[in-house]
Amino acid sequence: MKTTILLTIAALASSAVATPVLLSKRWSYGHIAGLDYSILNLARNLESLELAYWNQGLDNFTEADFEAAGYPGFRTYLELFRDQEIAHFTVLNDALGGGFTNCTYTFPVTTPEMLLAMGQVVTTVGEGAFIGGVANLTDSPSRQTGGSILGNEARQNSLLRQFLGLNFFNAVNFDTPLTASQAYSLAAPFFDCPSSNPPIEFHLIPPILANFTAGTPPHNAGDEITVKWDTKKVNLGDDVHIQFLGDVYSIKAPLTQTGPGVGTTNLPEYINGTSILVATNFNGKGPIPDGQNFGIGYVVVA
């Protein structure tokens, strides 16, 4: 069921500004280096992708389109999201000294519902990237800025999920952290950047496609999930399982391979919202080492 939401913050969209942050002299290109630079460069790429995503929505869909799809008033929020991403990108790009050219962005979105559905995945990944990234930053202004952007991404995600009729809390108690490689790999299919841009210096994990075999959210523990992968890119051994990442949980479930590039698994308990799935042989809890990620995807649980 789609949820109709009153326009309680309509004025904010028209008053948002592109560069609301005055940068400290300490936080500059000369100060940010090493892993800090690599993490913020990934964040800059993700914010550029989100900006392009919301701009595509504004270019392709009118308010009448959103109203006909059951999302009256959403375009006002879409304009707000666009302005927020301008601010996020600008502060990161300035801190890194510029040197960024827009990439080519390709999003498989043809309807307003697809825009919102993919948008909640994009913002889920953005949240996870900042949670994981902030933990590894050594620069204090960078951590503070990452934390402030994270809160903004979470509110975007919650609003999108509420419009879609999903559980707007996503994860129940804690948002799900992602490693830089996991976040990069989930976003990578949607953009192609010029070689003149600073490279993203993280491991690229091949994609896997996961969908519930039947039914719509909310799903229950035990529901079957079909998992597909490209056998030319992903070589899964006999001991591989699926690790479900959600909230503070990292829960493994057996993967039954039913044919070349296809298998099934079942949703474990305690997983809510949009869960990240990792094909791995890592048998433990907590962050999964990048070298143990053989494939990555997501599934919308509730």
Protein backbone atom coordinates (compact mmCIF):
# COMPACT_ATOMS: atom_id res chain seq x y z
CA MET A 1 0.00 0.00 0.00
CA LYS A 2 1.38 3.39 -0.97
CA THR A 3 1.40 5.95 1.80
CA THR A 4 0.19 9.49 1.19
CA ILE A 5 2.31 11.96 3.09
CA LEU A 6 1.35 15.56 3.80
CA LEU A 7 3.80 18.21 2.61
CA THR A 8 5.08 19.33 5.97
CA ILE A 9 8.46 20.62 4.80
CA ALA A 10 7.58 22.03 1.38
CA ALA A 11 9.20 25.37 2.14
CA LEU A 12 12.56 23.71 2.80
CA ALA A 13 12.96 22.60 -0.79
CA SER A 14 12.84 26.14 -2.10
CA SER A 15 15.15 27.50 0.60
CA ALA A 16 17.93 24.87 0.39
CA VAL A 17 21.28 26.28 -0.71
CA ALA A 18 24.12 24.61 -2.55
CA THR A 19 27.05 25.59 -0.30
CA PRO A 20 25.87 26.04 3.30
CA VAL A 21 29.17 25.02 4.92
CA LEU A 22 32.19 27.28 5.43
CA LEU A 23 35.21 25.02 5.34
CA SER A 24 37.84 25.21 8.04
CA LYS A 25 41.35 26.00 6.79
CA ARG A 26 42.43 22.78 8.50
CA TRP A 27 40.14 20.79 6.25
CA SER A 28 41.76 21.19 2.88
CA TYR A 29 43.29 19.20 0.06
CA GLY A 30 46.74 19.52 1.60
CA HIS A 31 45.53 18.13 4.93
CA ILE A 32 43.58 15.12 3.60
CA ALA A 33 45.75 12.26 2.35
CA GLY A 34 46.16 8.51 2.40
CA LEU A 35 43.18 6.43 3.47
CA ASP A 36 41.24 9.56 4.48
CA TYR A 37 41.51 10.82 0.90
CA SER A 38 40.47 7.45 -0.54
CA ILE A 39 37.39 7.24 1.69
CA LEU A 40 36.28 10.82 1.00
CA ASN A 41 36.88 10.34 -2.72
CA LEU A 42 34.52 7.36 -2.66
CA ALA A 43 32.01 9.46 -0.72
CA ARG A 44 32.33 12.22 -3.33
CA ASN A 45 31.58 9.72 -6.08
CA LEU A 46 28.55 8.38 -4.21
CA GLU A 47 27.18 11.89 -3.64
CA SER A 48 27.69 12.73 -7.33
CA LEU A 49 25.79 9.56 -8.22
CA GLU A 50 22.91 10.46 -5.90
CA LEU A 51 22.77 13.98 -7.32
CA ALA A 52 22.57 12.57 -10.85
CA TYR A 53 19.87 10.14 -9.70
CA TRP A 54 17.58 12.81 -8.28
CA ASN A 55 18.20 15.05 -11.29
CA GLN A 56 17.09 12.22 -13.57
CA GLY A 57 13.90 11.94 -11.56
CA LEU A 58 13.24 15.66 -11.90
CA ASP A 59 13.96 15.55 -15.64
CA ASN A 60 11.75 12.54 -16.34
CA PHE A 61 8.73 12.88 -14.05
CA THR A 62 6.31 15.72 -13.39
CA GLU A 63 4.23 16.27 -10.28
CA ALA A 64 1.28 14.87 -12.25
CA ASP A 65 3.29 11.69 -12.90
CA PHE A 66 3.98 11.24 -9.19
CA GLU A 67 0.35 11.94 -8.29
CA ALA A 68 -0.91 9.42 -10.85
CA ALA A 69 1.49 6.82 -9.39
CA GLY A 70 0.11 7.39 -5.89
CA TYR A 71 2.86 9.68 -4.57
CA PRO A 72 1.24 13.15 -4.40
CA GLY A 73 3.65 15.88 -3.38
CA PHE A 74 6.78 13.80 -3.83
CA ARG A 75 8.37 16.08 -6.42
CA THR A 76 8.80 18.75 -3.74
CA TYR A 77 10.84 16.30 -1.70
CA LEU A 78 12.75 15.28 -4.81
CA GLU A 79 13.82 18.89 -5.30
CA LEU A 80 14.92 18.99 -1.65
CA PHE A 81 16.93 15.78 -2.09
CA ARG A 82 18.61 17.29 -5.17
CA ASP A 83 19.61 20.42 -3.26
CA GLN A 84 20.91 18.37 -0.34
CA GLU A 85 23.12 16.32 -2.66
CA ILE A 86 24.49 19.51 -4.21
CA ALA A 87 25.52 20.60 -0.73
CA HIS A 88 27.01 17.19 0.14
CA PHE A 89 28.98 16.95 -3.10
CA THR A 90 30.19 20.55 -2.91
CA VAL A 91 31.62 20.29 0.59
CA LEU A 92 33.44 17.02 -0.22
CA ASN A 93 34.71 18.20 -3.60
CA ASP A 94 36.03 21.46 -2.12
CA ALA A 95 37.76 19.58 0.68
CA LEU A 96 39.49 17.29 -1.81
CA GLY A 97 40.68 20.15 -3.98
CA GLY A 98 38.29 19.64 -6.90
CA GLY A 99 39.66 17.73 -9.86
CA PHE A 100 36.38 15.88 -10.42
CA THR A 101 34.53 15.58 -13.73
CA ASN A 102 30.98 14.27 -13.86
CA CYS A 103 30.72 10.61 -14.73
CA THR A 104 28.26 8.91 -17.08
CA TYR A 105 25.33 7.68 -15.01
CA THR A 106 22.91 4.94 -16.05
CA PHE A 107 19.90 4.06 -13.91
CA PRO A 108 17.32 1.40 -14.90
CA VAL A 109 14.36 3.56 -13.89
CA THR A 110 11.31 4.14 -16.10
CA THR A 111 8.47 4.82 -13.65
CA PRO A 112 8.00 6.92 -10.49
CA GLU A 113 7.65 3.75 -8.41
CA MET A 114 10.97 2.44 -9.73
CA LEU A 115 12.56 5.80 -8.92
CA LEU A 116 11.49 5.57 -5.28
CA ALA A 117 12.25 1.84 -4.98
CA MET A 118 15.77 2.17 -6.35
CA GLY A 119 16.21 5.42 -4.44
CA GLN A 120 15.70 3.72 -1.09
CA VAL A 121 18.40 1.21 -2.04
CA VAL A 122 20.76 4.01 -3.12
CA THR A 123 20.27 5.83 0.19
CA THR A 124 20.65 2.58 2.16
CA VAL A 125 24.04 2.09 0.48
CA GLY A 126 24.94 5.73 1.15
CA GLU A 127 24.16 5.31 4.85
CA GLY A 128 26.20 2.12 5.08
CA ALA A 129 29.14 3.70 3.27
CA PHE A 130 29.30 6.65 5.65
CA ILE A 131 28.92 4.47 8.76
CA GLY A 132 31.74 2.22 7.61
CA GLY A 133 33.84 5.11 6.33
CA VAL A 134 33.60 7.28 9.44
CA ALA A 135 34.99 4.41 11.51
CA ASN A 136 38.20 4.47 9.45
CA LEU A 137 38.78 8.22 9.11
CA THR A 138 41.60 9.74 11.15
CA ASP A 139 40.76 13.38 10.31
CA SER A 140 38.36 14.93 12.83
CA PRO A 141 36.60 17.43 10.49
CA SER A 142 36.12 14.62 8.00
CA ARG A 143 34.48 12.42 10.63
CA GLN A 144 32.20 15.25 11.68
CA THR A 145 31.13 16.02 8.13
CA GLY A 146 30.59 12.34 7.35
CA GLY A 147 28.38 12.01 10.41
CA SER A 148 26.30 15.02 9.46
CA ILE A 149 25.77 13.71 5.91
CA LEU A 150 24.87 10.28 7.29
CA GLY A 151 21.97 11.72 9.28
CA ASN A 152 20.66 13.46 6.18
CA GLU A 153 20.86 10.27 4.09
CA ALA A 154 18.96 8.35 6.76
CA ARG A 155 16.09 10.85 6.71
CA GLN A 156 15.91 10.63 2.92
CA ASN A 157 15.80 6.85 3.16
CA SER A 158 13.06 6.89 5.79
CA LEU A 159 10.87 9.21 3.73
CA LEU A 160 11.29 7.14 0.57
CA ARG A 161 10.39 3.95 2.41
CA GLN A 162 7.34 5.61 3.97
CA PHE A 163 6.07 6.71 0.55
CA LEU A 164 6.58 3.13 -0.69
CA GLY A 165 4.63 1.65 2.21
CA LEU A 166 7.72 -0.14 3.56
CA ASN A 167 8.92 -0.21 7.15
CA PHE A 168 10.32 3.31 7.31
CA PHE A 169 12.74 2.37 10.11
CA ASN A 170 14.70 0.12 7.67
CA ALA A 171 17.02 -1.46 10.25
CA VAL A 172 15.33 -1.59 13.66
CA ASN A 173 18.03 -0.44 16.09
CA PHE A 174 21.22 0.24 14.12
CA ASP A 175 21.84 1.12 10.49
CA THR A 176 24.04 -1.37 8.68
CA PRO A 177 27.72 -0.49 8.15
CA LEU A 178 29.40 -1.38 4.86
CA THR A 179 33.05 -1.64 3.98
CA ALA A 180 34.26 0.78 1.33
CA SER A 181 34.55 -2.08 -1.16
CA GLN A 182 31.01 -3.25 -0.44
CA ALA A 183 29.54 0.23 -0.93
CA TYR A 184 31.61 0.88 -4.06
CA SER A 185 30.61 -2.46 -5.56
CA LEU A 186 26.88 -1.89 -4.99
CA ALA A 187 27.07 1.51 -6.69
CA ALA A 188 29.55 0.66 -9.48
CA PRO A 189 27.02 -0.73 -12.02
CA PHE A 190 25.42 2.71 -12.29
CA PHE A 191 28.36 4.94 -13.21
CA ASP A 192 31.37 5.12 -15.51
CA CYS A 193 33.91 7.83 -14.72
CA PRO A 194 36.58 9.44 -16.93
CA SER A 195 40.16 8.34 -16.39
CA SER A 196 41.06 11.92 -15.45
CA ASN A 197 39.16 11.55 -12.16
CA PRO A 198 41.03 10.31 -9.07
CA PRO A 199 40.56 6.52 -9.08
CA ILE A 200 38.41 4.77 -6.48
CA GLU A 201 41.00 2.68 -4.68
CA PHE A 202 38.87 -0.13 -3.34
CA HIS A 203 38.15 -3.73 -4.34
CA LEU A 204 35.33 -4.26 -6.83
CA ILE A 205 33.11 -7.20 -5.80
CA PRO A 206 31.06 -8.87 -8.58
CA PRO A 207 27.28 -8.42 -8.33
CA ILE A 208 24.74 -11.06 -7.38
CA LEU A 209 21.00 -10.71 -7.98
CA ALA A 210 18.69 -11.75 -5.14
CA ASN A 211 14.89 -11.84 -5.13
CA PHE A 212 12.31 -13.55 -2.97
CA THR A 213 10.85 -16.51 -4.83
CA ALA A 214 7.31 -15.38 -3.98
CA GLY A 215 5.40 -12.69 -2.12
CA THR A 216 5.96 -9.02 -1.35
CA PRO A 217 7.35 -7.21 1.71
CA PRO A 218 7.10 -7.77 4.59
CA HIS A 219 8.77 -11.18 4.33
CA ASN A 220 9.26 -13.67 7.14
CA ALA A 221 12.18 -15.76 8.33
CA GLY A 222 12.35 -18.93 6.26
CA ASP A 223 11.07 -17.36 3.03
CA GLU A 224 13.04 -18.59 0.02
CA ILE A 225 15.34 -16.28 -1.92
CA THR A 226 16.63 -17.03 -5.40
CA VAL A 227 20.22 -15.91 -5.97
CA LYS A 228 21.76 -15.50 -9.44
CA TRP A 229 25.29 -14.63 -10.55
CA ASP A 230 27.45 -14.40 -13.65
CA THR A 231 29.57 -17.56 -13.73
CA LYS A 232 32.15 -15.73 -15.86
CA LYS A 233 32.74 -13.24 -13.04
CA VAL A 234 31.84 -15.21 -9.91
CA ASN A 235 33.28 -18.64 -9.14
CA LEU A 236 31.55 -20.01 -6.05
CA GLY A 237 33.06 -23.05 -4.38
CA ASP A 238 31.20 -25.76 -2.49
CA ASP A 239 31.68 -24.13 0.92
CA VAL A 240 30.19 -20.74 -0.01
CA HIS A 241 27.18 -19.43 1.88
CA ILE A 242 25.20 -16.19 1.96
CA GLN A 243 25.92 -13.72 4.73
CA PHE A 244 22.95 -11.43 5.49
CA LEU A 245 23.97 -7.99 6.77
CA GLY A 246 21.30 -6.00 8.57
CA ASP A 247 21.09 -3.92 11.76
CA VAL A 248 24.00 -5.21 13.91
CA TYR A 249 23.60 -8.72 12.55
CA SER A 250 25.79 -10.66 10.15
CA ILE A 251 24.00 -13.98 9.76
CA LYS A 252 25.02 -16.81 7.49
CA ALA A 253 22.58 -19.05 5.62
CA PRO A 254 23.32 -22.04 3.39
CA LEU A 255 23.39 -21.48 -0.36
CA THR A 256 22.02 -24.41 -2.34
CA GLN A 257 23.36 -24.18 -5.89
CA THR A 258 20.64 -25.51 -8.20
CA GLY A 259 22.42 -24.90 -11.49
CA PRO A 260 25.11 -22.82 -13.19
CA GLY A 261 24.86 -19.31 -11.79
CA VAL A 262 21.71 -19.92 -9.74
CA GLY A 263 20.85 -21.11 -6.25
CA THR A 264 18.51 -20.63 -3.32
CA THR A 265 18.80 -19.60 0.30
CA ASN A 266 16.34 -18.75 3.06
CA LEU A 267 15.85 -15.56 5.01
CA PRO A 268 17.22 -15.92 8.56
CA GLU A 269 15.66 -14.35 11.63
CA TYR A 270 16.39 -10.79 12.79
CA ILE A 271 16.80 -9.29 9.31
CA ASN A 272 14.62 -6.27 8.52
CA GLY A 273 14.39 -3.52 5.91
CA THR A 274 16.83 -3.67 3.00
CA SER A 275 19.49 -6.29 3.71
CA ILE A 276 22.86 -6.55 1.97
CA LEU A 277 23.73 -10.08 0.83
CA VAL A 278 27.32 -11.22 0.49
CA ALA A 279 28.38 -14.55 -1.02
CA THR A 280 31.35 -15.55 1.12
CA ASN A 281 33.16 -18.36 2.88
CA PHE A 282 33.78 -16.10 5.90
CA ASN A 283 32.32 -17.96 8.87
CA GLY A 284 31.94 -15.35 11.58
CA LYS A 285 30.29 -12.14 12.71
CA GLY A 286 31.06 -8.49 12.18
CA PRO A 287 32.69 -6.91 9.14
CA ILE A 288 33.60 -9.41 6.45
CA PRO A 289 37.16 -9.07 5.10
CA ASP A 290 37.11 -7.64 1.58
CA GLY A 291 39.02 -10.61 0.22
CA GLN A 292 36.23 -12.93 1.35
CA ASN A 293 33.49 -11.11 -0.62
CA PHE A 294 32.84 -13.19 -3.74
CA GLY A 295 29.59 -11.52 -4.73
CA ILE A 296 27.31 -8.79 -3.36
CA GLY A 297 23.68 -7.75 -3.75
CA TYR A 298 20.63 -6.75 -1.73
CA VAL A 299 17.09 -7.88 -0.95
CA VAL A 300 14.13 -5.86 0.33
CA VAL A 301 12.70 -7.69 3.35
CA ALA A 302 10.27 -5.21 4.90
